[in-house]
Amino acid sequence: MMQREERELEKRDLDFVEGEFINIKQSTIRAVEGGHIELQQVGALSIDGEKLEIAQGASVIIKGDDISLNQSLSAVTVGNNVSIDFSLSPMSVSRENTSVNRSAVGFLAAKDVSSENTSAFLVVANKIEGNITTLLDWRSALALGGVLGGILGFLSLLRRR
């Protein structure tokens, strides 16, 4: 279903939505592409746009320039500037800045990270400001990688015999 004229959608099951300004509430969508996208209580498989504002939504892949997640869940978030507030994102990659506020992140990579009361598995950043709790720092990640590589190498030797 291609939607170009209709910009405000509510309580619908949609396949594909494309437009410059999109505002969707309480719906499910397979894919969304556009310029400025606002989603509220929306479940989506793929979201791609320039400026994305998602409140109480769930998605698998989000890609855009400026991304704002508020009380949302996103499996993979990729953008230039990302803001994650009260949300969960197992993987977040940002080219420039990432702002994380009272959220949980699995793997976070960005040039600059500012955080407040955030938990993360692994953070890779040039500059980190604020309070962030990580499970692995760069030394433990390197040690874990070495141990897992050694175990896999040993198991591959055993399998050949």
N, C-alpha and C. Protein backbone atom coordinates (compact mmCIF):
# COMPACT_ATOMS: atom_id res chain seq x y z
N MET A 1 0.84 -1.18 0.00
CA MET A 1 0.00 0.00 0.00
C MET A 1 0.88 1.23 0.00
N MET A 2 0.79 2.03 -1.00
CA MET A 2 1.61 3.22 -1.14
C MET A 2 0.79 4.43 -0.72
N GLN A 3 1.28 5.19 0.23
CA GLN A 3 0.57 6.37 0.73
C GLN A 3 1.45 7.60 0.52
N ARG A 4 1.06 8.48 -0.38
CA ARG A 4 1.81 9.72 -0.57
C ARG A 4 0.97 10.93 -0.16
N GLU A 5 -0.32 10.93 -0.45
CA GLU A 5 -1.16 12.08 -0.17
C GLU A 5 -1.55 12.15 1.30
N GLU A 6 -1.94 11.03 1.89
CA GLU A 6 -2.42 11.00 3.26
C GLU A 6 -1.24 11.06 4.22
N ARG A 7 -1.21 12.06 5.07
CA ARG A 7 -0.06 12.26 5.93
C ARG A 7 -0.32 11.86 7.37
N GLU A 8 -1.57 11.88 7.79
CA GLU A 8 -1.90 11.48 9.15
C GLU A 8 -2.72 10.21 9.11
N LEU A 9 -2.17 9.16 9.72
CA LEU A 9 -2.83 7.86 9.73
C LEU A 9 -3.00 7.43 11.18
N GLU A 10 -4.12 6.75 11.45
CA GLU A 10 -4.37 6.31 12.81
C GLU A 10 -5.14 4.99 12.79
N LYS A 11 -4.71 4.08 13.67
CA LYS A 11 -5.35 2.78 13.88
C LYS A 11 -5.55 2.01 12.57
N ARG A 12 -4.42 1.75 11.88
CA ARG A 12 -4.48 1.01 10.62
C ARG A 12 -3.34 0.01 10.55
N ASP A 13 -3.51 -1.00 9.73
CA ASP A 13 -2.45 -1.95 9.41
C ASP A 13 -1.95 -1.60 8.01
N LEU A 14 -0.70 -1.15 7.92
CA LEU A 14 -0.17 -0.65 6.66
C LEU A 14 1.01 -1.50 6.21
N ASP A 15 1.21 -1.52 4.90
CA ASP A 15 2.33 -2.26 4.33
C ASP A 15 3.53 -1.35 4.12
N PHE A 16 3.37 -0.30 3.31
CA PHE A 16 4.45 0.61 2.99
C PHE A 16 3.91 2.03 2.96
N VAL A 17 4.58 2.93 3.67
CA VAL A 17 4.17 4.33 3.71
C VAL A 17 5.36 5.18 3.32
N GLU A 18 5.13 6.13 2.40
CA GLU A 18 6.19 7.01 1.95
C GLU A 18 5.64 8.43 1.84
N GLY A 19 6.42 9.41 2.26
CA GLY A 19 5.99 10.80 2.17
C GLY A 19 7.00 11.73 2.79
N GLU A 20 6.79 13.03 2.61
CA GLU A 20 7.72 14.00 3.17
C GLU A 20 7.44 14.24 4.65
N PHE A 21 6.16 14.42 5.03
CA PHE A 21 5.76 14.59 6.42
C PHE A 21 4.76 13.49 6.76
N ILE A 22 5.14 12.62 7.69
CA ILE A 22 4.29 11.47 8.04
C ILE A 22 4.03 11.49 9.54
N ASN A 23 2.76 11.35 9.92
CA ASN A 23 2.37 11.27 11.31
C ASN A 23 1.44 10.07 11.46
N ILE A 24 1.90 9.04 12.18
CA ILE A 24 1.14 7.80 12.32
C ILE A 24 0.96 7.50 13.79
N LYS A 25 -0.27 7.12 14.16
CA LYS A 25 -0.58 6.80 15.55
C LYS A 25 -1.27 5.45 15.62
N GLN A 26 -0.92 4.67 16.62
CA GLN A 26 -1.57 3.40 16.97
C GLN A 26 -1.79 2.50 15.75
N SER A 27 -0.72 2.18 15.07
CA SER A 27 -0.80 1.36 13.85
C SER A 27 0.35 0.38 13.79
N THR A 28 0.27 -0.52 12.83
CA THR A 28 1.38 -1.41 12.52
C THR A 28 1.77 -1.18 11.06
N ILE A 29 3.08 -1.20 10.81
CA ILE A 29 3.60 -0.87 9.49
C ILE A 29 4.75 -1.80 9.15
N ARG A 30 4.83 -2.19 7.89
CA ARG A 30 5.97 -2.98 7.45
C ARG A 30 7.18 -2.07 7.21
N ALA A 31 7.01 -0.98 6.47
CA ALA A 31 8.12 -0.07 6.18
C ALA A 31 7.62 1.36 6.04
N VAL A 32 8.43 2.29 6.54
CA VAL A 32 8.13 3.72 6.44
C VAL A 32 9.36 4.42 5.89
N GLU A 33 9.17 5.29 4.89
CA GLU A 33 10.25 6.10 4.36
C GLU A 33 9.75 7.52 4.19
N GLY A 34 10.59 8.48 4.58
CA GLY A 34 10.15 9.87 4.41
C GLY A 34 11.14 10.85 4.97
N GLY A 35 10.71 12.11 4.96
CA GLY A 35 11.54 13.18 5.48
C GLY A 35 11.39 13.30 6.98
N HIS A 36 10.28 13.87 7.43
CA HIS A 36 9.99 14.04 8.85
C HIS A 36 8.92 13.02 9.23
N ILE A 37 9.28 12.08 10.10
CA ILE A 37 8.37 11.00 10.47
C ILE A 37 8.11 11.06 11.97
N GLU A 38 6.84 11.11 12.34
CA GLU A 38 6.44 11.06 13.74
C GLU A 38 5.57 9.83 13.95
N LEU A 39 5.99 8.96 14.87
CA LEU A 39 5.25 7.73 15.15
C LEU A 39 4.91 7.69 16.63
N GLN A 40 3.67 7.36 16.94
CA GLN A 40 3.25 7.24 18.32
C GLN A 40 2.47 5.94 18.48
N GLN A 41 2.95 5.07 19.36
CA GLN A 41 2.38 3.75 19.60
C GLN A 41 2.25 2.97 18.30
N VAL A 42 3.39 2.83 17.62
CA VAL A 42 3.44 2.17 16.32
C VAL A 42 4.44 1.03 16.37
N GLY A 43 4.07 -0.10 15.78
CA GLY A 43 4.99 -1.20 15.58
C GLY A 43 5.41 -1.23 14.12
N ALA A 44 6.71 -1.20 13.86
CA ALA A 44 7.20 -1.13 12.48
C ALA A 44 8.39 -2.06 12.30
N LEU A 45 8.52 -2.61 11.11
CA LEU A 45 9.65 -3.46 10.78
C LEU A 45 10.86 -2.60 10.39
N SER A 46 10.66 -1.62 9.51
CA SER A 46 11.75 -0.79 9.02
C SER A 46 11.30 0.67 8.95
N ILE A 47 12.14 1.57 9.49
CA ILE A 47 11.85 3.00 9.44
C ILE A 47 13.09 3.70 8.88
N ASP A 48 12.90 4.51 7.85
CA ASP A 48 14.01 5.20 7.20
C ASP A 48 13.58 6.63 6.91
N GLY A 49 14.31 7.61 7.44
CA GLY A 49 13.94 9.00 7.20
C GLY A 49 15.01 9.94 7.64
N GLU A 50 14.76 11.23 7.42
CA GLU A 50 15.73 12.25 7.82
C GLU A 50 15.57 12.59 9.29
N LYS A 51 14.38 12.96 9.71
CA LYS A 51 14.12 13.29 11.12
C LYS A 51 13.03 12.36 11.62
N LEU A 52 13.37 11.56 12.64
CA LEU A 52 12.44 10.57 13.17
C LEU A 52 12.16 10.85 14.63
N GLU A 53 10.88 10.88 14.98
CA GLU A 53 10.46 11.03 16.36
C GLU A 53 9.52 9.88 16.68
N ILE A 54 9.96 8.99 17.56
CA ILE A 54 9.19 7.79 17.88
C ILE A 54 8.89 7.78 19.37
N ALA A 55 7.61 7.72 19.72
CA ALA A 55 7.18 7.69 21.11
C ALA A 55 6.38 6.42 21.34
N GLN A 56 6.75 5.64 22.32
CA GLN A 56 6.08 4.40 22.69
C GLN A 56 5.90 3.48 21.49
N GLY A 57 6.98 3.30 20.73
CA GLY A 57 6.94 2.46 19.54
C GLY A 57 7.90 1.31 19.65
N ALA A 58 7.75 0.38 18.72
CA ALA A 58 8.65 -0.76 18.63
C ALA A 58 9.03 -0.95 17.17
N SER A 59 10.32 -1.19 16.92
CA SER A 59 10.77 -1.38 15.55
C SER A 59 11.98 -2.29 15.53
N VAL A 60 12.25 -2.86 14.36
CA VAL A 60 13.40 -3.72 14.20
C VAL A 60 14.60 -2.90 13.73
N ILE A 61 14.44 -2.12 12.66
CA ILE A 61 15.55 -1.33 12.12
C ILE A 61 15.10 0.12 11.96
N ILE A 62 15.90 1.03 12.52
CA ILE A 62 15.66 2.46 12.35
C ILE A 62 16.92 3.07 11.75
N LYS A 63 16.74 3.82 10.65
CA LYS A 63 17.88 4.47 10.01
C LYS A 63 17.47 5.90 9.65
N GLY A 64 18.29 6.88 10.06
CA GLY A 64 17.96 8.27 9.76
C GLY A 64 19.05 9.22 10.18
N ASP A 65 18.83 10.50 9.92
CA ASP A 65 19.79 11.52 10.31
C ASP A 65 19.64 11.88 11.78
N ASP A 66 18.47 12.38 12.16
CA ASP A 66 18.18 12.74 13.55
C ASP A 66 17.09 11.81 14.07
N ILE A 67 17.44 11.00 15.06
CA ILE A 67 16.51 10.00 15.59
C ILE A 67 16.25 10.30 17.06
N SER A 68 14.98 10.29 17.43
CA SER A 68 14.59 10.50 18.82
C SER A 68 13.67 9.35 19.24
N LEU A 69 14.12 8.55 20.20
CA LEU A 69 13.31 7.46 20.75
C LEU A 69 12.89 7.83 22.17
N ASN A 70 11.61 7.74 22.44
CA ASN A 70 11.10 8.02 23.77
C ASN A 70 10.17 6.89 24.19
N GLN A 71 10.52 6.18 25.24
CA GLN A 71 9.78 5.03 25.74
C GLN A 71 9.52 4.03 24.61
N SER A 72 10.59 3.68 23.91
CA SER A 72 10.47 2.82 22.73
C SER A 72 11.46 1.68 22.76
N LEU A 73 11.30 0.77 21.83
CA LEU A 73 12.17 -0.38 21.67
C LEU A 73 12.61 -0.43 20.21
N SER A 74 13.91 -0.54 19.99
CA SER A 74 14.45 -0.64 18.64
C SER A 74 15.61 -1.62 18.65
N ALA A 75 15.55 -2.63 17.80
CA ALA A 75 16.61 -3.63 17.76
C ALA A 75 17.91 -3.02 17.23
N VAL A 76 17.85 -2.30 16.12
CA VAL A 76 19.03 -1.68 15.53
C VAL A 76 18.69 -0.22 15.21
N THR A 77 19.48 0.70 15.74
CA THR A 77 19.28 2.13 15.50
C THR A 77 20.56 2.69 14.90
N VAL A 78 20.46 3.27 13.69
CA VAL A 78 21.63 3.82 13.00
C VAL A 78 21.29 5.22 12.55
N GLY A 79 22.13 6.21 12.94
CA GLY A 79 21.86 7.59 12.53
C GLY A 79 23.05 8.49 12.76
N ASN A 80 22.87 9.76 12.41
CA ASN A 80 23.91 10.75 12.66
C ASN A 80 23.84 11.24 14.10
N ASN A 81 22.67 11.67 14.53
CA ASN A 81 22.44 12.12 15.90
C ASN A 81 21.28 11.31 16.46
N VAL A 82 21.52 10.63 17.56
CA VAL A 82 20.52 9.74 18.14
C VAL A 82 20.25 10.18 19.58
N SER A 83 18.97 10.22 19.94
CA SER A 83 18.55 10.52 21.30
C SER A 83 17.67 9.37 21.79
N ILE A 84 18.09 8.72 22.86
CA ILE A 84 17.36 7.57 23.40
C ILE A 84 16.96 7.91 24.83
N ASP A 85 15.65 8.05 25.07
CA ASP A 85 15.13 8.40 26.39
C ASP A 85 14.17 7.33 26.88
N PHE A 86 14.44 6.78 28.05
CA PHE A 86 13.58 5.77 28.68
C PHE A 86 13.27 4.63 27.70
N SER A 87 14.27 4.15 26.97
CA SER A 87 14.06 3.17 25.91
C SER A 87 15.06 2.03 25.99
N LEU A 88 14.86 1.04 25.14
CA LEU A 88 15.76 -0.11 25.02
C LEU A 88 16.20 -0.22 23.57
N SER A 89 17.51 -0.30 23.38
CA SER A 89 18.07 -0.48 22.04
C SER A 89 19.27 -1.42 22.14
N PRO A 90 19.12 -2.68 21.71
CA PRO A 90 20.24 -3.61 21.79
C PRO A 90 21.46 -3.17 20.98
N MET A 91 21.25 -2.43 19.87
CA MET A 91 22.39 -1.95 19.09
C MET A 91 22.10 -0.54 18.59
N SER A 92 22.98 0.41 18.95
CA SER A 92 22.83 1.79 18.51
C SER A 92 24.16 2.28 17.98
N VAL A 93 24.16 2.74 16.73
CA VAL A 93 25.37 3.25 16.10
C VAL A 93 25.07 4.65 15.59
N SER A 94 25.94 5.61 15.96
CA SER A 94 25.73 6.99 15.56
C SER A 94 27.02 7.56 14.99
N ARG A 95 26.89 8.31 13.93
CA ARG A 95 28.06 8.91 13.30
C ARG A 95 28.59 10.09 14.11
N GLU A 96 27.69 10.83 14.75
CA GLU A 96 28.10 12.02 15.51
C GLU A 96 27.80 11.85 17.00
N ASN A 97 26.63 12.32 17.43
CA ASN A 97 26.30 12.38 18.85
C ASN A 97 25.20 11.38 19.21
N THR A 98 25.31 10.82 20.40
CA THR A 98 24.25 10.01 20.97
C THR A 98 23.99 10.51 22.39
N SER A 99 22.72 10.79 22.66
CA SER A 99 22.30 11.21 23.98
C SER A 99 21.41 10.10 24.54
N VAL A 100 21.79 9.54 25.68
CA VAL A 100 21.06 8.43 26.28
C VAL A 100 20.63 8.83 27.68
N ASN A 101 19.34 8.74 27.97
CA ASN A 101 18.81 9.16 29.25
C ASN A 101 17.95 8.06 29.84
N ARG A 102 18.40 7.49 30.95
CA ARG A 102 17.67 6.45 31.68
C ARG A 102 17.18 5.33 30.77
N SER A 103 18.12 4.75 30.04
CA SER A 103 17.80 3.72 29.06
C SER A 103 18.77 2.55 29.20
N ALA A 104 18.48 1.50 28.47
CA ALA A 104 19.35 0.33 28.40
C ALA A 104 19.78 0.13 26.95
N VAL A 105 21.08 -0.03 26.76
CA VAL A 105 21.64 -0.19 25.43
C VAL A 105 22.57 -1.38 25.46
N GLY A 106 22.52 -2.23 24.43
CA GLY A 106 23.44 -3.35 24.36
C GLY A 106 24.81 -2.89 23.90
N PHE A 107 24.93 -2.58 22.62
CA PHE A 107 26.18 -2.10 22.03
C PHE A 107 25.94 -0.67 21.56
N LEU A 108 26.74 0.26 22.04
CA LEU A 108 26.59 1.67 21.70
C LEU A 108 27.89 2.18 21.11
N ALA A 109 27.83 2.68 19.89
CA ALA A 109 29.00 3.25 19.23
C ALA A 109 28.64 4.63 18.71
N ALA A 110 29.47 5.61 19.06
CA ALA A 110 29.23 6.99 18.62
C ALA A 110 30.51 7.80 18.78
N LYS A 111 30.54 8.95 18.13
CA LYS A 111 31.67 9.84 18.30
C LYS A 111 31.64 10.45 19.69
N ASP A 112 30.48 11.03 20.07
CA ASP A 112 30.31 11.61 21.39
C ASP A 112 29.06 11.02 22.04
N VAL A 113 29.17 10.66 23.31
CA VAL A 113 28.04 10.09 24.05
C VAL A 113 27.82 10.93 25.30
N SER A 114 26.58 11.36 25.49
CA SER A 114 26.20 11.99 26.75
C SER A 114 25.08 11.15 27.35
N SER A 115 25.23 10.83 28.63
CA SER A 115 24.27 9.91 29.23
C SER A 115 23.91 10.32 30.63
N GLU A 116 22.78 9.81 31.08
CA GLU A 116 22.34 10.02 32.45
C GLU A 116 21.64 8.74 32.91
N ASN A 117 22.20 8.11 33.94
CA ASN A 117 21.64 6.88 34.52
C ASN A 117 21.31 5.84 33.46
N THR A 118 22.32 5.43 32.72
CA THR A 118 22.16 4.50 31.61
C THR A 118 22.99 3.25 31.85
N SER A 119 22.48 2.12 31.37
CA SER A 119 23.22 0.87 31.42
C SER A 119 23.51 0.41 30.00
N ALA A 120 24.71 -0.16 29.81
CA ALA A 120 25.10 -0.64 28.49
C ALA A 120 25.99 -1.86 28.64
N PHE A 121 25.98 -2.72 27.64
CA PHE A 121 26.86 -3.88 27.62
C PHE A 121 28.27 -3.44 27.21
N LEU A 122 28.37 -2.72 26.10
CA LEU A 122 29.66 -2.25 25.59
C LEU A 122 29.47 -0.89 24.93
N VAL A 123 30.32 0.05 25.26
CA VAL A 123 30.26 1.39 24.67
C VAL A 123 31.59 1.68 23.99
N VAL A 124 31.53 2.11 22.73
CA VAL A 124 32.71 2.53 21.99
C VAL A 124 32.47 3.97 21.58
N ALA A 125 33.25 4.90 22.14
CA ALA A 125 33.04 6.32 21.85
C ALA A 125 34.34 7.08 22.00
N ASN A 126 34.41 8.22 21.34
CA ASN A 126 35.56 9.10 21.46
C ASN A 126 35.49 9.86 22.78
N LYS A 127 34.30 10.37 23.12
CA LYS A 127 34.12 11.14 24.35
C LYS A 127 32.80 10.73 25.01
N ILE A 128 32.86 10.44 26.31
CA ILE A 128 31.68 10.06 27.07
C ILE A 128 31.50 11.05 28.21
N GLU A 129 30.29 11.61 28.31
CA GLU A 129 29.96 12.52 29.40
C GLU A 129 28.76 11.97 30.14
N GLY A 130 28.79 12.04 31.46
CA GLY A 130 27.63 11.63 32.24
C GLY A 130 27.83 10.30 32.93
N ASN A 131 26.74 9.79 33.48
CA ASN A 131 26.74 8.57 34.26
C ASN A 131 26.27 7.40 33.40
N ILE A 132 27.18 6.50 33.08
CA ILE A 132 26.83 5.30 32.29
C ILE A 132 27.52 4.10 32.93
N THR A 133 26.77 3.03 33.09
CA THR A 133 27.31 1.80 33.66
C THR A 133 27.47 0.78 32.54
N THR A 134 28.70 0.31 32.35
CA THR A 134 28.95 -0.67 31.29
C THR A 134 29.36 -2.00 31.90
N LEU A 135 28.99 -3.06 31.23
CA LEU A 135 29.39 -4.39 31.67
C LEU A 135 30.84 -4.66 31.26
N LEU A 136 31.19 -4.27 30.04
CA LEU A 136 32.55 -4.48 29.55
C LEU A 136 33.21 -3.14 29.20
N ASP A 137 34.45 -2.95 29.66
CA ASP A 137 35.23 -1.85 29.15
C ASP A 137 36.10 -2.40 28.01
N TRP A 138 36.97 -1.58 27.44
CA TRP A 138 37.71 -2.04 26.27
C TRP A 138 38.69 -3.16 26.63
N ARG A 139 39.22 -3.17 27.83
CA ARG A 139 40.16 -4.23 28.23
C ARG A 139 39.43 -5.56 28.38
N SER A 140 38.28 -5.54 29.06
CA SER A 140 37.55 -6.79 29.24
C SER A 140 36.99 -7.30 27.91
N ALA A 141 36.59 -6.40 27.01
CA ALA A 141 36.10 -6.83 25.70
C ALA A 141 37.23 -7.49 24.90
N LEU A 142 38.43 -6.93 25.00
CA LEU A 142 39.58 -7.52 24.32
C LEU A 142 39.91 -8.89 24.90
N ALA A 143 39.87 -9.02 26.23
CA ALA A 143 40.14 -10.31 26.88
C ALA A 143 39.07 -11.33 26.53
N LEU A 144 37.80 -10.91 26.53
CA LEU A 144 36.72 -11.83 26.17
C LEU A 144 36.85 -12.30 24.73
N GLY A 145 37.21 -11.39 23.83
CA GLY A 145 37.42 -11.76 22.43
C GLY A 145 38.57 -12.75 22.27
N GLY A 146 39.65 -12.54 23.03
CA GLY A 146 40.78 -13.47 22.98
C GLY A 146 40.41 -14.85 23.51
N VAL A 147 39.68 -14.89 24.60
CA VAL A 147 39.26 -16.18 25.17
C VAL A 147 38.31 -16.91 24.22
N LEU A 148 37.32 -16.20 23.70
CA LEU A 148 36.38 -16.85 22.76
C LEU A 148 37.08 -17.31 21.49
N GLY A 149 38.02 -16.51 20.99
CA GLY A 149 38.79 -16.91 19.81
C GLY A 149 39.63 -18.14 20.07
N GLY A 150 40.24 -18.20 21.26
CA GLY A 150 41.04 -19.38 21.63
C GLY A 150 40.18 -20.63 21.76
N ILE A 151 39.00 -20.50 22.37
CA ILE A 151 38.10 -21.65 22.52
C ILE A 151 37.61 -22.13 21.16
N LEU A 152 37.22 -21.21 20.28
CA LEU A 152 36.76 -21.60 18.94
C LEU A 152 37.88 -22.25 18.14
N GLY A 153 39.11 -21.71 18.27
CA GLY A 153 40.25 -22.32 17.58
C GLY A 153 40.54 -23.71 18.09
N PHE A 154 40.46 -23.91 19.40
CA PHE A 154 40.67 -25.23 19.99
C PHE A 154 39.59 -26.21 19.55
N LEU A 155 38.35 -25.78 19.52
CA LEU A 155 37.24 -26.65 19.10
C LEU A 155 37.36 -27.01 17.61
N SER A 156 37.86 -26.10 16.80
CA SER A 156 38.03 -26.42 15.38
C SER A 156 39.16 -27.44 15.18
N LEU A 157 40.17 -27.41 16.04
CA LEU A 157 41.24 -28.42 15.98
C LEU A 157 40.70 -29.78 16.38
N LEU A 158 39.86 -29.83 17.40
CA LEU A 158 39.27 -31.10 17.84
C LEU A 158 38.33 -31.68 16.81
N ARG A 159 37.63 -30.84 16.11
CA ARG A 159 36.66 -31.29 15.12
C ARG A 159 37.35 -31.92 13.90
N ARG A 160 38.54 -31.49 13.57
CA ARG A 160 39.26 -32.02 12.42
C ARG A 160 39.71 -33.45 12.63
N ARG A 161 39.89 -33.87 13.87
CA ARG A 161 40.38 -35.21 14.14
C ARG A 161 39.32 -36.20 14.06
